[in-house]
Amino acid sequence: MLPCEHYNSHTGPKLVRVFLGTEDITENMSYVYGPDRNWQGCLWTYREAFGENSLNKQFRFDFKGEDGRDHWFNGFITNLDQYFNPPMSQLYTGINVLKE
C-alpha cells in the first residue's frame, strides 16, 4: 500500500456491498475502505486489496450516499501488482464528498 494524502482529504459514501465475481467480499473490503471511508489514506495494489485469487475477476462496489442515492463502480483485475485507484477524485460524479 502506498500512502496518498489525496485520499485523506475525502470521505466517501457508506459502503453497502462488494462483489468479486459472484463472491460477496464486503466484510474484507470494509477493512480496506476503512472507518473514515477513505481507503485508509492509501492506494492499494489489487493483490493487497482483493487477494491472490482475484486475477481475471470482475469486482463491483455499491454505496449509499448521505442523500440516499445509490452509487457504484466496477472493474476487472488483470494485474495483481497494479494499483487499485478508486474514483475518489471524481467529485462531480456524486460518489464522494469533501471533508470540511
C-alpha atoms as a PDB file:
ATOM      1  CA  MET A   1       0.000   0.000   0.000  1.00  0.00           C
ATOM      2  CA  LEU A   2       1.126   3.482  -0.831  1.00  0.00           C
ATOM      3  CA  PRO A   3       0.205   6.430   1.445  1.00  0.00           C
ATOM      4  CA  CYS A   4      -1.766   9.032  -0.500  1.00  0.00           C
ATOM      5  CA  GLU A   5      -2.584  12.430   1.007  1.00  0.00           C
ATOM      6  CA  HIS A   6      -5.322  12.976  -1.575  1.00  0.00           C
ATOM      7  CA  TYR A   7      -7.470  10.250  -0.019  1.00  0.00           C
ATOM      8  CA  ASN A   8      -7.058  11.732   3.461  1.00  0.00           C
ATOM      9  CA  SER A   9      -8.949  14.855   2.373  1.00  0.00           C
ATOM     10  CA  HIS A  10     -12.097  12.953   1.357  1.00  0.00           C
ATOM     11  CA  THR A  11     -14.852  10.928   2.930  1.00  0.00           C
ATOM     12  CA  GLY A  12     -16.734   8.591   0.644  1.00  0.00           C
ATOM     13  CA  PRO A  13     -20.291   7.318   0.924  1.00  0.00           C
ATOM     14  CA  LYS A  14     -21.280   4.369   3.105  1.00  0.00           C
ATOM     15  CA  LEU A  15     -20.084   1.044   1.711  1.00  0.00           C
ATOM     16  CA  VAL A  16     -23.047  -1.277   1.204  1.00  0.00           C
ATOM     17  CA  ARG A  17     -21.782  -4.284  -0.730  1.00  0.00           C
ATOM     18  CA  VAL A  18     -18.762  -5.540  -2.679  1.00  0.00           C
ATOM     19  CA  PHE A  19     -18.616  -8.494  -5.047  1.00  0.00           C
ATOM     20  CA  LEU A  20     -15.570 -10.174  -6.549  1.00  0.00           C
ATOM     21  CA  GLY A  21     -17.062 -12.316  -9.278  1.00  0.00           C
ATOM     22  CA  THR A  22     -20.070 -13.836  -7.508  1.00  0.00           C
ATOM     23  CA  GLU A  23     -18.461 -13.822  -4.042  1.00  0.00           C
ATOM     24  CA  ASP A  24     -19.604 -11.231  -1.500  1.00  0.00           C
ATOM     25  CA  ILE A  25     -16.393  -9.738  -0.040  1.00  0.00           C
ATOM     26  CA  THR A  26     -17.990  -6.783   1.722  1.00  0.00           C
ATOM     27  CA  GLU A  27     -16.504  -7.617   5.131  1.00  0.00           C
ATOM     28  CA  ASN A  28     -12.945  -7.827   3.773  1.00  0.00           C
ATOM     29  CA  MET A  29     -13.296  -4.655   1.728  1.00  0.00           C
ATOM     30  CA  SER A  30     -14.760  -2.765   4.696  1.00  0.00           C
ATOM     31  CA  TYR A  31     -11.302  -3.063   6.262  1.00  0.00           C
ATOM     32  CA  VAL A  32      -9.625  -1.695   3.110  1.00  0.00           C
ATOM     33  CA  TYR A  33     -12.185   1.138   2.776  1.00  0.00           C
ATOM     34  CA  GLY A  34     -11.576   1.947   6.452  1.00  0.00           C
ATOM     35  CA  PRO A  35     -13.634   3.541   9.221  1.00  0.00           C
ATOM     36  CA  ASP A  36     -13.090   7.007   7.728  1.00  0.00           C
ATOM     37  CA  ARG A  37     -14.332   5.776   4.312  1.00  0.00           C
ATOM     38  CA  ASN A  38     -11.164   6.989   2.579  1.00  0.00           C
ATOM     39  CA  TRP A  39      -9.270   3.755   1.739  1.00  0.00           C
ATOM     40  CA  GLN A  40      -7.234   4.369   4.915  1.00  0.00           C
ATOM     41  CA  GLY A  41      -5.481   7.208   3.119  1.00  0.00           C
ATOM     42  CA  CYS A  42      -3.689   4.781   0.781  1.00  0.00           C
ATOM     43  CA  LEU A  43      -3.552   3.350  -2.687  1.00  0.00           C
ATOM     44  CA  TRP A  44      -3.626  -0.453  -2.570  1.00  0.00           C
ATOM     45  CA  THR A  45      -2.453  -2.932  -5.172  1.00  0.00           C
ATOM     46  CA  TYR A  46      -5.124  -5.321  -6.389  1.00  0.00           C
ATOM     47  CA  ARG A  47      -3.197  -8.090  -4.616  1.00  0.00           C
ATOM     48  CA  GLU A  48      -3.316  -6.205  -1.299  1.00  0.00           C
ATOM     49  CA  ALA A  49      -6.956  -5.178  -1.625  1.00  0.00           C
ATOM     50  CA  PHE A  50      -8.530  -8.252  -3.223  1.00  0.00           C
ATOM     51  CA  GLY A  51      -6.055 -11.083  -2.608  1.00  0.00           C
ATOM     52  CA  GLU A  52      -4.077 -13.574  -4.654  1.00  0.00           C
ATOM     53  CA  ASN A  53      -7.129 -15.278  -6.162  1.00  0.00           C
ATOM     54  CA  SER A  54      -8.597 -12.134  -7.700  1.00  0.00           C
ATOM     55  CA  LEU A  55      -6.730 -12.203 -11.024  1.00  0.00           C
ATOM     56  CA  ASN A  56      -9.033 -12.062 -14.065  1.00  0.00           C
ATOM     57  CA  LYS A  57     -12.110 -11.403 -11.947  1.00  0.00           C
ATOM     58  CA  GLN A  58     -14.629  -8.574 -12.078  1.00  0.00           C
ATOM     59  CA  PHE A  59     -15.488  -6.522  -8.994  1.00  0.00           C
ATOM     60  CA  ARG A  60     -18.347  -4.206  -8.096  1.00  0.00           C
ATOM     61  CA  PHE A  61     -18.709  -1.761  -5.200  1.00  0.00           C
ATOM     62  CA  ASP A  62     -22.133  -0.454  -4.089  1.00  0.00           C
ATOM     63  CA  PHE A  63     -22.507   2.597  -1.876  1.00  0.00           C
ATOM     64  CA  LYS A  64     -25.300   4.668  -0.308  1.00  0.00           C
ATOM     65  CA  GLY A  65     -24.827   8.430  -0.285  1.00  0.00           C
ATOM     66  CA  GLU A  66     -25.835  10.752   2.528  1.00  0.00           C
ATOM     67  CA  ASP A  67     -28.679  11.916   0.300  1.00  0.00           C
ATOM     68  CA  GLY A  68     -29.989   8.343  -0.023  1.00  0.00           C
ATOM     69  CA  ARG A  69     -28.816   7.923  -3.609  1.00  0.00           C
ATOM     70  CA  ASP A  70     -27.135   4.695  -4.691  1.00  0.00           C
ATOM     71  CA  HIS A  71     -23.644   4.854  -6.205  1.00  0.00           C
ATOM     72  CA  TRP A  72     -21.441   2.154  -7.668  1.00  0.00           C
ATOM     73  CA  PHE A  73     -18.325   1.426  -9.672  1.00  0.00           C
ATOM     74  CA  ASN A  74     -16.847  -1.724 -11.100  1.00  0.00           C
ATOM     75  CA  GLY A  75     -13.712  -3.017 -12.755  1.00  0.00           C
ATOM     76  CA  PHE A  76     -11.751  -6.044 -13.894  1.00  0.00           C
ATOM     77  CA  ILE A  77      -8.441  -7.194 -12.412  1.00  0.00           C
ATOM     78  CA  THR A  78      -5.766  -8.035 -14.989  1.00  0.00           C
ATOM     79  CA  ASN A  79      -2.602  -7.307 -12.999  1.00  0.00           C
ATOM     80  CA  LEU A  80      -2.347  -8.010  -9.267  1.00  0.00           C
ATOM     81  CA  ASP A  81       0.560  -5.589  -8.850  1.00  0.00           C
ATOM     82  CA  GLN A  82      -1.236  -2.647 -10.458  1.00  0.00           C
ATOM     83  CA  TYR A  83      -2.631  -0.018  -8.073  1.00  0.00           C
ATOM     84  CA  PHE A  84      -6.370  -0.075  -7.461  1.00  0.00           C
ATOM     85  CA  ASN A  85      -7.349   3.585  -7.896  1.00  0.00           C
ATOM     86  CA  PRO A  86     -10.983   4.062  -6.786  1.00  0.00           C
ATOM     87  CA  PRO A  87     -12.849   7.111  -8.156  1.00  0.00           C
ATOM     88  CA  MET A  88     -12.330   9.295  -5.082  1.00  0.00           C
ATOM     89  CA  SER A  89     -11.093  12.260  -7.116  1.00  0.00           C
ATOM     90  CA  GLN A  90     -14.153  12.473  -9.357  1.00  0.00           C
ATOM     91  CA  LEU A  91     -16.237  14.707  -7.136  1.00  0.00           C
ATOM     92  CA  TYR A  92     -18.629  15.637  -9.929  1.00  0.00           C
ATOM     93  CA  THR A  93     -19.926  12.033 -10.039  1.00  0.00           C
ATOM     94  CA  GLY A  94     -21.502  12.445  -6.610  1.00  0.00           C
ATOM     95  CA  ILE A  95     -19.678   9.417  -5.263  1.00  0.00           C
ATOM     96  CA  ASN A  96     -17.568  11.457  -2.831  1.00  0.00           C
ATOM     97  CA  VAL A  97     -17.966  14.385  -0.513  1.00  0.00           C
ATOM     98  CA  LEU A  98     -15.189  16.743   0.590  1.00  0.00           C
ATOM     99  CA  LYS A  99     -14.434  16.819   4.312  1.00  0.00           C
ATOM    100  CA  GLU A 100     -14.862  20.189   5.915  1.00  0.00           C
END
